[in-house]
N, C-alpha and C. Protein backbone atom coordinates (compact mmCIF):
# COMPACT_ATOMS: atom_id res chain seq x y z
N ARG A 1 105.70 127.42 141.28
CA ARG A 1 104.62 126.44 141.25
C ARG A 1 103.45 126.92 140.38
N GLU A 2 103.10 128.20 140.49
CA GLU A 2 102.03 128.77 139.66
C GLU A 2 102.38 128.70 138.19
N LEU A 3 103.63 129.00 137.88
CA LEU A 3 104.08 128.97 136.50
C LEU A 3 103.99 127.54 135.95
N LYS A 4 104.38 126.57 136.77
CA LYS A 4 104.31 125.17 136.35
C LYS A 4 102.87 124.76 136.06
N ASN A 5 101.93 125.17 136.90
CA ASN A 5 100.51 124.88 136.69
C ASN A 5 99.99 125.56 135.42
N GLU A 6 100.41 126.79 135.22
CA GLU A 6 99.98 127.55 134.05
C GLU A 6 100.50 126.89 132.76
N VAL A 7 101.75 126.46 132.78
CA VAL A 7 102.33 125.78 131.62
C VAL A 7 101.61 124.47 131.36
N SER A 8 101.30 123.72 132.41
CA SER A 8 100.60 122.46 132.28
C SER A 8 99.20 122.67 131.70
N GLU A 9 98.48 123.68 132.19
CA GLU A 9 97.15 123.98 131.68
C GLU A 9 97.20 124.37 130.21
N ARG A 10 98.19 125.17 129.87
CA ARG A 10 98.32 125.61 128.48
C ARG A 10 98.64 124.42 127.57
N THR A 11 99.52 123.54 128.02
CA THR A 11 99.88 122.36 127.24
C THR A 11 98.66 121.48 127.03
N ASN A 12 97.87 121.27 128.07
CA ASN A 12 96.65 120.46 127.95
C ASN A 12 95.65 121.11 127.00
N ALA A 13 95.51 122.42 127.07
CA ALA A 13 94.60 123.14 126.17
C ALA A 13 95.06 123.01 124.72
N GLU A 14 96.36 123.10 124.49
CA GLU A 14 96.89 122.95 123.14
C GLU A 14 96.66 121.54 122.60
N LYS A 15 96.81 120.54 123.45
CA LYS A 15 96.55 119.15 123.03
C LYS A 15 95.08 118.97 122.66
N LYS A 16 94.20 119.59 123.46
CA LYS A 16 92.77 119.47 123.19
C LYS A 16 92.42 120.11 121.85
N VAL A 17 92.98 121.28 121.59
CA VAL A 17 92.73 121.97 120.33
C VAL A 17 93.24 121.13 119.16
N ALA A 18 94.42 120.54 119.32
CA ALA A 18 94.98 119.70 118.25
C ALA A 18 94.09 118.49 117.99
N ARG A 19 93.58 117.85 119.06
CA ARG A 19 92.68 116.70 118.89
C ARG A 19 91.39 117.11 118.19
N LEU A 20 90.84 118.26 118.58
CA LEU A 20 89.61 118.73 117.94
C LEU A 20 89.85 119.07 116.48
N ASN A 21 91.00 119.68 116.16
CA ASN A 21 91.31 119.99 114.76
C ASN A 21 91.39 118.71 113.93
N ARG A 22 92.02 117.67 114.49
CA ARG A 22 92.09 116.38 113.78
C ARG A 22 90.68 115.81 113.59
N LEU A 23 89.86 115.93 114.62
CA LEU A 23 88.51 115.39 114.54
C LEU A 23 87.67 116.15 113.50
N TYR A 24 87.82 117.46 113.43
CA TYR A 24 87.11 118.23 112.40
C TYR A 24 87.56 117.81 111.00
N SER A 25 88.83 117.49 110.86
CA SER A 25 89.34 116.98 109.59
C SER A 25 88.68 115.64 109.25
N VAL A 26 88.51 114.79 110.26
CA VAL A 26 87.82 113.51 110.08
C VAL A 26 86.38 113.75 109.64
N LEU A 27 85.69 114.64 110.32
CA LEU A 27 84.29 114.92 109.97
C LEU A 27 84.17 115.38 108.53
N THR A 28 85.04 116.30 108.13
CA THR A 28 85.01 116.82 106.76
C THR A 28 85.27 115.70 105.76
N GLY A 29 86.31 114.91 106.00
CA GLY A 29 86.66 113.83 105.08
C GLY A 29 85.56 112.79 104.96
N ILE A 30 84.96 112.41 106.07
CA ILE A 30 83.91 111.39 106.02
C ILE A 30 82.65 111.94 105.36
N HIS A 31 82.32 113.20 105.64
CA HIS A 31 81.15 113.79 104.97
C HIS A 31 81.37 113.85 103.46
N GLU A 32 82.58 114.17 103.03
CA GLU A 32 82.89 114.17 101.60
C GLU A 32 82.74 112.77 101.03
N ALA A 33 83.20 111.76 101.76
CA ALA A 33 83.08 110.37 101.29
C ALA A 33 81.61 109.96 101.18
N ILE A 34 80.79 110.39 102.11
CA ILE A 34 79.36 110.07 102.07
C ILE A 34 78.72 110.71 100.83
N VAL A 35 79.06 111.96 100.57
CA VAL A 35 78.49 112.67 99.42
C VAL A 35 78.93 112.03 98.10
N ARG A 36 80.19 111.58 98.03
CA ARG A 36 80.73 110.99 96.79
C ARG A 36 80.27 109.55 96.58
N LYS A 37 79.70 108.93 97.59
CA LYS A 37 79.29 107.52 97.48
C LYS A 37 78.25 107.39 96.37
N ARG A 38 78.58 106.58 95.38
CA ARG A 38 77.71 106.45 94.21
C ARG A 38 76.81 105.22 94.26
N ASP A 39 77.35 104.12 94.71
CA ASP A 39 76.62 102.84 94.67
C ASP A 39 76.07 102.52 96.06
N PRO A 40 74.75 102.59 96.24
CA PRO A 40 74.16 102.33 97.57
C PRO A 40 74.38 100.89 98.05
N ASP A 41 74.71 99.97 97.13
CA ASP A 41 74.92 98.58 97.51
C ASP A 41 76.35 98.31 97.97
N ASP A 42 77.24 99.28 97.82
CA ASP A 42 78.64 99.07 98.19
C ASP A 42 79.00 99.82 99.47
N ILE A 43 78.24 99.52 100.51
CA ILE A 43 78.44 100.19 101.81
C ILE A 43 79.79 99.83 102.43
N ASP A 44 80.31 98.64 102.12
CA ASP A 44 81.60 98.23 102.69
C ASP A 44 82.73 99.17 102.26
N LYS A 45 82.66 99.69 101.03
CA LYS A 45 83.68 100.65 100.57
C LYS A 45 83.62 101.93 101.40
N LEU A 46 82.41 102.39 101.67
CA LEU A 46 82.24 103.58 102.50
C LEU A 46 82.77 103.31 103.90
N TYR A 47 82.44 102.17 104.47
CA TYR A 47 82.91 101.83 105.81
C TYR A 47 84.44 101.80 105.86
N ARG A 48 85.07 101.24 104.83
CA ARG A 48 86.53 101.20 104.79
C ARG A 48 87.10 102.61 104.72
N GLU A 49 86.48 103.46 103.94
CA GLU A 49 86.95 104.84 103.82
C GLU A 49 86.76 105.59 105.15
N VAL A 50 85.66 105.34 105.84
CA VAL A 50 85.43 105.94 107.16
C VAL A 50 86.58 105.56 108.10
N CYS A 51 86.93 104.29 108.12
CA CYS A 51 88.00 103.81 109.00
C CYS A 51 89.35 104.41 108.60
N ARG A 52 89.62 104.47 107.31
CA ARG A 52 90.89 105.05 106.83
C ARG A 52 91.01 106.51 107.26
N ILE A 53 89.97 107.27 107.05
CA ILE A 53 89.99 108.69 107.40
C ILE A 53 90.17 108.87 108.91
N ALA A 54 89.48 108.06 109.70
CA ALA A 54 89.60 108.17 111.16
C ALA A 54 91.04 107.96 111.61
N VAL A 55 91.72 107.01 110.99
CA VAL A 55 93.11 106.71 111.39
C VAL A 55 94.08 107.74 110.80
N GLU A 56 93.99 107.96 109.49
CA GLU A 56 94.97 108.83 108.83
C GLU A 56 94.80 110.30 109.18
N ASP A 57 93.56 110.78 109.25
CA ASP A 57 93.33 112.19 109.55
C ASP A 57 93.10 112.45 111.03
N GLY A 58 92.53 111.46 111.72
CA GLY A 58 92.17 111.65 113.12
C GLY A 58 93.24 111.22 114.11
N GLY A 59 94.25 110.50 113.63
CA GLY A 59 95.33 110.09 114.51
C GLY A 59 94.97 108.93 115.43
N PHE A 60 93.86 108.22 115.15
CA PHE A 60 93.53 107.05 115.95
C PHE A 60 94.45 105.90 115.57
N ARG A 61 94.71 105.02 116.51
CA ARG A 61 95.58 103.87 116.22
C ARG A 61 94.88 102.85 115.34
N MET A 62 93.56 102.70 115.55
CA MET A 62 92.80 101.75 114.74
C MET A 62 91.33 102.14 114.77
N ALA A 63 90.66 101.86 113.67
CA ALA A 63 89.21 102.07 113.59
C ALA A 63 88.62 100.87 112.87
N TRP A 64 87.46 100.44 113.34
CA TRP A 64 86.76 99.36 112.65
C TRP A 64 85.26 99.49 112.81
N ILE A 65 84.56 98.92 111.83
CA ILE A 65 83.11 98.91 111.87
C ILE A 65 82.66 97.46 111.90
N GLY A 66 81.81 97.16 112.87
CA GLY A 66 81.24 95.82 113.00
C GLY A 66 79.75 95.89 112.72
N VAL A 67 79.25 94.89 112.00
CA VAL A 67 77.83 94.81 111.67
C VAL A 67 77.27 93.52 112.26
N MET A 68 76.11 93.61 112.86
CA MET A 68 75.49 92.46 113.53
C MET A 68 74.60 91.69 112.56
N ASP A 69 74.77 90.38 112.52
CA ASP A 69 73.87 89.50 111.80
C ASP A 69 72.59 89.41 112.63
N GLN A 70 71.47 89.73 112.04
CA GLN A 70 70.21 89.82 112.79
C GLN A 70 69.76 88.47 113.35
N GLU A 71 70.09 87.37 112.68
CA GLU A 71 69.65 86.05 113.15
C GLU A 71 70.55 85.50 114.25
N SER A 72 71.85 85.47 113.99
CA SER A 72 72.77 84.86 114.96
C SER A 72 73.17 85.81 116.07
N ARG A 73 72.96 87.12 115.84
CA ARG A 73 73.36 88.18 116.78
C ARG A 73 74.88 88.28 116.92
N MET A 74 75.62 87.66 115.99
CA MET A 74 77.08 87.76 115.97
C MET A 74 77.46 89.02 115.21
N VAL A 75 78.53 89.66 115.67
CA VAL A 75 79.02 90.86 115.03
C VAL A 75 80.25 90.49 114.20
N ARG A 76 80.23 90.88 112.94
CA ARG A 76 81.38 90.61 112.09
C ARG A 76 82.01 91.93 111.68
N PRO A 77 83.33 92.00 111.74
CA PRO A 77 84.02 93.19 111.26
C PRO A 77 83.83 93.30 109.74
N THR A 78 83.38 94.45 109.28
CA THR A 78 83.20 94.65 107.85
C THR A 78 84.27 95.54 107.25
N ALA A 79 84.93 96.35 108.07
CA ALA A 79 85.99 97.24 107.59
C ALA A 79 86.87 97.63 108.77
N HIS A 80 88.15 97.83 108.49
CA HIS A 80 89.06 98.34 109.51
C HIS A 80 90.24 99.04 108.85
N TRP A 81 90.94 99.82 109.65
CA TRP A 81 92.15 100.50 109.17
C TRP A 81 93.03 100.76 110.39
N GLY A 82 94.32 100.70 110.19
CA GLY A 82 95.26 101.03 111.26
C GLY A 82 95.94 99.83 111.84
N ASN A 83 96.47 100.02 113.03
CA ASN A 83 97.26 99.01 113.74
C ASN A 83 96.35 97.92 114.30
N GLU A 84 95.94 97.02 113.44
CA GLU A 84 94.99 95.97 113.83
C GLU A 84 95.72 94.69 114.25
N GLN A 85 96.72 94.26 113.50
CA GLN A 85 97.59 93.12 113.82
C GLN A 85 96.84 91.89 114.35
N GLY A 86 95.75 91.52 113.72
CA GLY A 86 95.03 90.32 114.13
C GLY A 86 94.08 90.50 115.31
N TYR A 87 93.93 91.71 115.80
CA TYR A 87 93.04 91.98 116.94
C TYR A 87 91.62 91.49 116.66
N LEU A 88 91.13 91.79 115.47
CA LEU A 88 89.74 91.44 115.15
C LEU A 88 89.55 89.95 114.98
N ASP A 89 90.62 89.22 114.66
CA ASP A 89 90.53 87.76 114.56
C ASP A 89 90.41 87.11 115.94
N LYS A 90 90.89 87.81 116.95
CA LYS A 90 90.96 87.22 118.29
C LYS A 90 89.77 87.56 119.17
N ILE A 91 88.87 88.39 118.66
CA ILE A 91 87.72 88.74 119.47
C ILE A 91 86.47 88.16 118.84
N GLY A 92 85.72 87.43 119.62
CA GLY A 92 84.43 86.91 119.17
C GLY A 92 83.35 87.76 119.80
N LEU A 93 82.45 88.25 119.01
CA LEU A 93 81.45 89.15 119.54
C LEU A 93 80.04 88.68 119.24
N SER A 94 79.26 88.59 120.28
CA SER A 94 77.85 88.27 120.12
C SER A 94 77.08 89.23 121.00
N THR A 95 76.07 89.85 120.43
CA THR A 95 75.25 90.77 121.23
C THR A 95 74.30 90.01 122.13
N ALA A 96 74.22 88.69 121.97
CA ALA A 96 73.37 87.88 122.84
C ALA A 96 74.10 87.49 124.13
N ASP A 97 75.40 87.68 124.15
CA ASP A 97 76.25 87.30 125.29
C ASP A 97 76.21 88.41 126.35
N PRO A 98 75.97 88.05 127.62
CA PRO A 98 75.94 89.08 128.67
C PRO A 98 77.28 89.82 128.80
N GLY A 99 78.39 89.20 128.47
CA GLY A 99 79.69 89.85 128.54
C GLY A 99 80.07 90.44 127.20
N GLN A 100 79.13 91.07 126.56
CA GLN A 100 79.29 91.53 125.19
C GLN A 100 80.26 92.69 125.01
N GLY A 101 80.65 93.36 126.06
CA GLY A 101 81.62 94.44 125.96
C GLY A 101 81.06 95.71 125.36
N PRO A 102 81.94 96.69 125.17
CA PRO A 102 81.52 98.01 124.69
C PRO A 102 80.80 97.98 123.35
N LEU A 103 81.34 97.25 122.38
CA LEU A 103 80.71 97.20 121.06
C LEU A 103 79.32 96.59 121.13
N GLY A 104 79.19 95.45 121.78
CA GLY A 104 77.89 94.79 121.89
C GLY A 104 76.86 95.67 122.58
N ARG A 105 77.30 96.37 123.61
CA ARG A 105 76.36 97.26 124.31
C ARG A 105 75.99 98.45 123.45
N ALA A 106 76.94 98.96 122.68
CA ALA A 106 76.62 100.09 121.79
C ALA A 106 75.54 99.68 120.80
N ILE A 107 75.64 98.44 120.31
CA ILE A 107 74.64 97.97 119.34
C ILE A 107 73.31 97.66 120.03
N THR A 108 73.33 96.89 121.11
CA THR A 108 72.06 96.49 121.74
C THR A 108 71.36 97.65 122.43
N ASP A 109 72.12 98.53 123.08
CA ASP A 109 71.51 99.66 123.80
C ASP A 109 71.29 100.88 122.91
N GLY A 110 72.00 100.93 121.77
CA GLY A 110 71.86 102.08 120.88
C GLY A 110 72.50 103.34 121.44
N MET A 111 73.47 103.16 122.34
CA MET A 111 74.15 104.31 122.95
C MET A 111 75.66 104.11 122.83
N TYR A 112 76.38 105.21 122.77
CA TYR A 112 77.83 105.10 122.68
C TYR A 112 78.40 104.56 123.99
N TYR A 113 79.59 103.99 123.88
CA TYR A 113 80.30 103.50 125.06
C TYR A 113 81.74 103.99 124.95
N ILE A 114 82.21 104.66 125.99
CA ILE A 114 83.56 105.22 126.02
C ILE A 114 84.37 104.50 127.09
N CYS A 115 85.56 104.12 126.74
CA CYS A 115 86.52 103.55 127.69
C CYS A 115 87.77 104.41 127.61
N ASN A 116 87.95 105.29 128.57
CA ASN A 116 89.10 106.19 128.55
C ASN A 116 90.33 105.63 129.24
N ASP A 117 90.24 104.39 129.72
CA ASP A 117 91.40 103.75 130.34
C ASP A 117 91.25 102.23 130.19
N ILE A 118 91.64 101.72 129.04
CA ILE A 118 91.47 100.29 128.74
C ILE A 118 92.13 99.42 129.79
N GLY A 119 93.29 99.83 130.29
CA GLY A 119 94.02 99.02 131.26
C GLY A 119 93.30 98.80 132.57
N ASN A 120 92.35 99.68 132.90
CA ASN A 120 91.66 99.57 134.18
C ASN A 120 90.14 99.46 134.06
N ASP A 121 89.63 99.21 132.86
CA ASP A 121 88.19 99.10 132.66
C ASP A 121 87.78 97.64 132.70
N LEU A 122 86.96 97.27 133.66
CA LEU A 122 86.52 95.88 133.81
C LEU A 122 85.73 95.37 132.61
N ASP A 123 85.03 96.27 131.91
CA ASP A 123 84.25 95.86 130.75
C ASP A 123 85.13 95.41 129.59
N MET A 124 86.40 95.74 129.63
CA MET A 124 87.32 95.34 128.56
C MET A 124 87.94 93.97 128.83
N GLY A 125 87.53 93.32 129.92
CA GLY A 125 88.06 92.03 130.37
C GLY A 125 88.75 91.17 129.34
N PRO A 126 88.00 90.46 128.50
CA PRO A 126 88.63 89.51 127.58
C PRO A 126 89.42 90.18 126.45
N TRP A 127 89.24 91.46 126.23
CA TRP A 127 89.91 92.16 125.13
C TRP A 127 91.08 93.01 125.61
N LYS A 128 91.19 93.20 126.93
CA LYS A 128 92.18 94.12 127.48
C LYS A 128 93.61 93.77 127.07
N LYS A 129 94.01 92.54 127.25
CA LYS A 129 95.39 92.14 126.96
C LYS A 129 95.74 92.41 125.49
N GLU A 130 94.88 91.96 124.59
CA GLU A 130 95.12 92.16 123.16
C GLU A 130 95.16 93.65 122.82
N ALA A 131 94.28 94.42 123.41
CA ALA A 131 94.24 95.86 123.15
C ALA A 131 95.53 96.54 123.65
N MET A 132 95.93 96.22 124.84
CA MET A 132 97.12 96.84 125.42
C MET A 132 98.38 96.49 124.62
N GLU A 133 98.46 95.25 124.12
CA GLU A 133 99.61 94.83 123.32
C GLU A 133 99.73 95.63 122.03
N ARG A 134 98.63 96.16 121.53
CA ARG A 134 98.64 96.93 120.29
C ARG A 134 98.74 98.44 120.54
N GLY A 135 98.88 98.81 121.78
CA GLY A 135 99.02 100.23 122.11
C GLY A 135 97.72 100.99 122.22
N TYR A 136 96.60 100.28 122.33
CA TYR A 136 95.32 100.95 122.51
C TYR A 136 95.19 101.31 123.99
N ARG A 137 94.91 102.56 124.29
CA ARG A 137 94.77 102.98 125.68
C ARG A 137 93.38 103.50 126.00
N SER A 138 92.64 103.90 124.97
CA SER A 138 91.24 104.28 125.17
C SER A 138 90.47 103.92 123.91
N SER A 139 89.16 103.73 124.07
CA SER A 139 88.34 103.33 122.93
C SER A 139 86.95 103.94 123.03
N ALA A 140 86.29 103.94 121.89
CA ALA A 140 84.92 104.44 121.83
C ALA A 140 84.15 103.59 120.83
N ALA A 141 82.92 103.25 121.16
CA ALA A 141 82.04 102.50 120.27
C ALA A 141 80.75 103.30 120.10
N PHE A 142 80.40 103.58 118.86
CA PHE A 142 79.21 104.37 118.55
C PHE A 142 78.28 103.55 117.66
N PRO A 143 76.99 103.46 118.03
CA PRO A 143 76.06 102.64 117.24
C PRO A 143 75.81 103.23 115.86
N LEU A 144 75.58 102.33 114.91
CA LEU A 144 75.14 102.69 113.57
C LEU A 144 73.73 102.12 113.40
N ARG A 145 72.85 102.91 112.80
CA ARG A 145 71.45 102.51 112.69
C ARG A 145 71.00 102.44 111.24
N LEU A 146 70.06 101.56 111.00
CA LEU A 146 69.38 101.49 109.72
C LEU A 146 67.91 101.62 110.07
N SER A 147 67.30 102.70 109.62
CA SER A 147 65.95 103.07 110.05
C SER A 147 65.99 103.21 111.57
N ALA A 148 65.16 102.50 112.30
CA ALA A 148 65.15 102.63 113.76
C ALA A 148 65.88 101.47 114.43
N ARG A 149 66.57 100.66 113.64
CA ARG A 149 67.21 99.45 114.15
C ARG A 149 68.73 99.63 114.25
N ASN A 150 69.30 99.23 115.37
CA ASN A 150 70.76 99.27 115.54
C ASN A 150 71.34 98.08 114.78
N VAL A 151 72.27 98.36 113.85
CA VAL A 151 72.80 97.29 113.01
C VAL A 151 74.30 97.07 113.17
N GLY A 152 74.98 98.01 113.78
CA GLY A 152 76.43 97.88 113.91
C GLY A 152 76.99 99.00 114.76
N ALA A 153 78.33 99.13 114.70
CA ALA A 153 78.98 100.18 115.49
C ALA A 153 80.31 100.56 114.86
N LEU A 154 80.67 101.82 115.01
CA LEU A 154 81.99 102.33 114.67
C LEU A 154 82.81 102.30 115.94
N ASN A 155 84.00 101.71 115.86
CA ASN A 155 84.89 101.57 117.02
C ASN A 155 86.20 102.28 116.74
N LEU A 156 86.60 103.13 117.67
CA LEU A 156 87.84 103.89 117.53
C LEU A 156 88.75 103.59 118.71
N TYR A 157 90.05 103.43 118.43
CA TYR A 157 91.04 103.16 119.47
C TYR A 157 92.12 104.22 119.39
N ALA A 158 92.43 104.81 120.55
CA ALA A 158 93.46 105.84 120.63
C ALA A 158 94.65 105.32 121.44
N GLY A 159 95.80 105.90 121.20
CA GLY A 159 97.02 105.48 121.87
C GLY A 159 97.25 106.15 123.21
N GLU A 160 96.38 107.06 123.60
CA GLU A 160 96.53 107.74 124.89
C GLU A 160 95.27 107.53 125.73
N PRO A 161 95.43 107.44 127.05
CA PRO A 161 94.24 107.40 127.91
C PRO A 161 93.52 108.75 127.86
N ASP A 162 92.27 108.75 128.22
CA ASP A 162 91.46 109.98 128.28
C ASP A 162 91.41 110.71 126.95
N SER A 163 91.27 109.97 125.86
CA SER A 163 91.27 110.58 124.53
C SER A 163 89.91 111.12 124.10
N PHE A 164 88.86 110.75 124.80
CA PHE A 164 87.52 111.14 124.37
C PHE A 164 86.86 112.01 125.44
N ASP A 165 86.68 113.30 125.11
CA ASP A 165 85.99 114.20 126.03
C ASP A 165 84.57 114.46 125.51
N ASP A 166 83.79 115.20 126.27
CA ASP A 166 82.38 115.41 125.93
C ASP A 166 82.18 116.04 124.57
N GLU A 167 83.02 117.02 124.22
CA GLU A 167 82.87 117.69 122.93
C GLU A 167 83.15 116.72 121.78
N GLN A 168 84.20 115.93 121.90
CA GLN A 168 84.52 114.95 120.87
C GLN A 168 83.41 113.90 120.76
N ILE A 169 82.88 113.48 121.88
CA ILE A 169 81.81 112.48 121.88
C ILE A 169 80.59 113.01 121.14
N ARG A 170 80.22 114.26 121.39
CA ARG A 170 79.07 114.84 120.68
C ARG A 170 79.31 114.87 119.17
N LEU A 171 80.52 115.26 118.76
CA LEU A 171 80.83 115.31 117.33
C LEU A 171 80.81 113.91 116.72
N LEU A 172 81.39 112.94 117.41
CA LEU A 172 81.41 111.57 116.88
C LEU A 172 80.02 110.96 116.84
N GLU A 173 79.20 111.28 117.82
CA GLU A 173 77.82 110.80 117.83
C GLU A 173 77.06 111.34 116.62
N SER A 174 77.24 112.61 116.35
CA SER A 174 76.61 113.23 115.19
C SER A 174 77.13 112.62 113.88
N LEU A 175 78.42 112.38 113.83
CA LEU A 175 79.02 111.77 112.65
C LEU A 175 78.43 110.39 112.39
N CYS A 176 78.27 109.59 113.43
CA CYS A 176 77.71 108.25 113.25
C CYS A 176 76.26 108.30 112.81
N ALA A 177 75.53 109.31 113.23
CA ALA A 177 74.16 109.49 112.73
C ALA A 177 74.20 109.76 111.22
N ASP A 178 75.18 110.55 110.78
CA ASP A 178 75.32 110.84 109.36
C ASP A 178 75.74 109.59 108.57
N ILE A 179 76.66 108.81 109.12
CA ILE A 179 77.08 107.57 108.47
C ILE A 179 75.89 106.63 108.35
N SER A 180 75.09 106.58 109.40
CA SER A 180 73.89 105.72 109.37
C SER A 180 72.96 106.13 108.26
């Protein structure tokens, strides 16, 4: 029994190290993309590259960035990468709606929102079925800011539950500050 516990702990530690290594690769790739960005008016290209790097280097199932229209308070997807399969077409997002979900709260509150178990999170209500059908098991939404104003959010979806721990959250929070 002790050996079984030891093997399990070691396996979990190895998975955590692998996830962190992928995340450090994401951080490096996105920071390089930020440095190489030449045209300040072409932010959508940078957002698309951020999403691509998160999926290809970070192993996330899907990543997308939503930006809020200041007048209507509607959030429109501006870039995505990965296993999206129409997910973004099926979700309507308004930060004025009380049932705004993780993304809306990340934008309005200016704080990240983590869902480590999409199947059992009540806040995922209207999006849960669509998310589960695409293999999303956990998600994270991090606000993006322009000056002191929250303007959008980076959303990441992982294929395993409990994909976001405190260390990863701190790194992703810092990354989103850099993207902002």
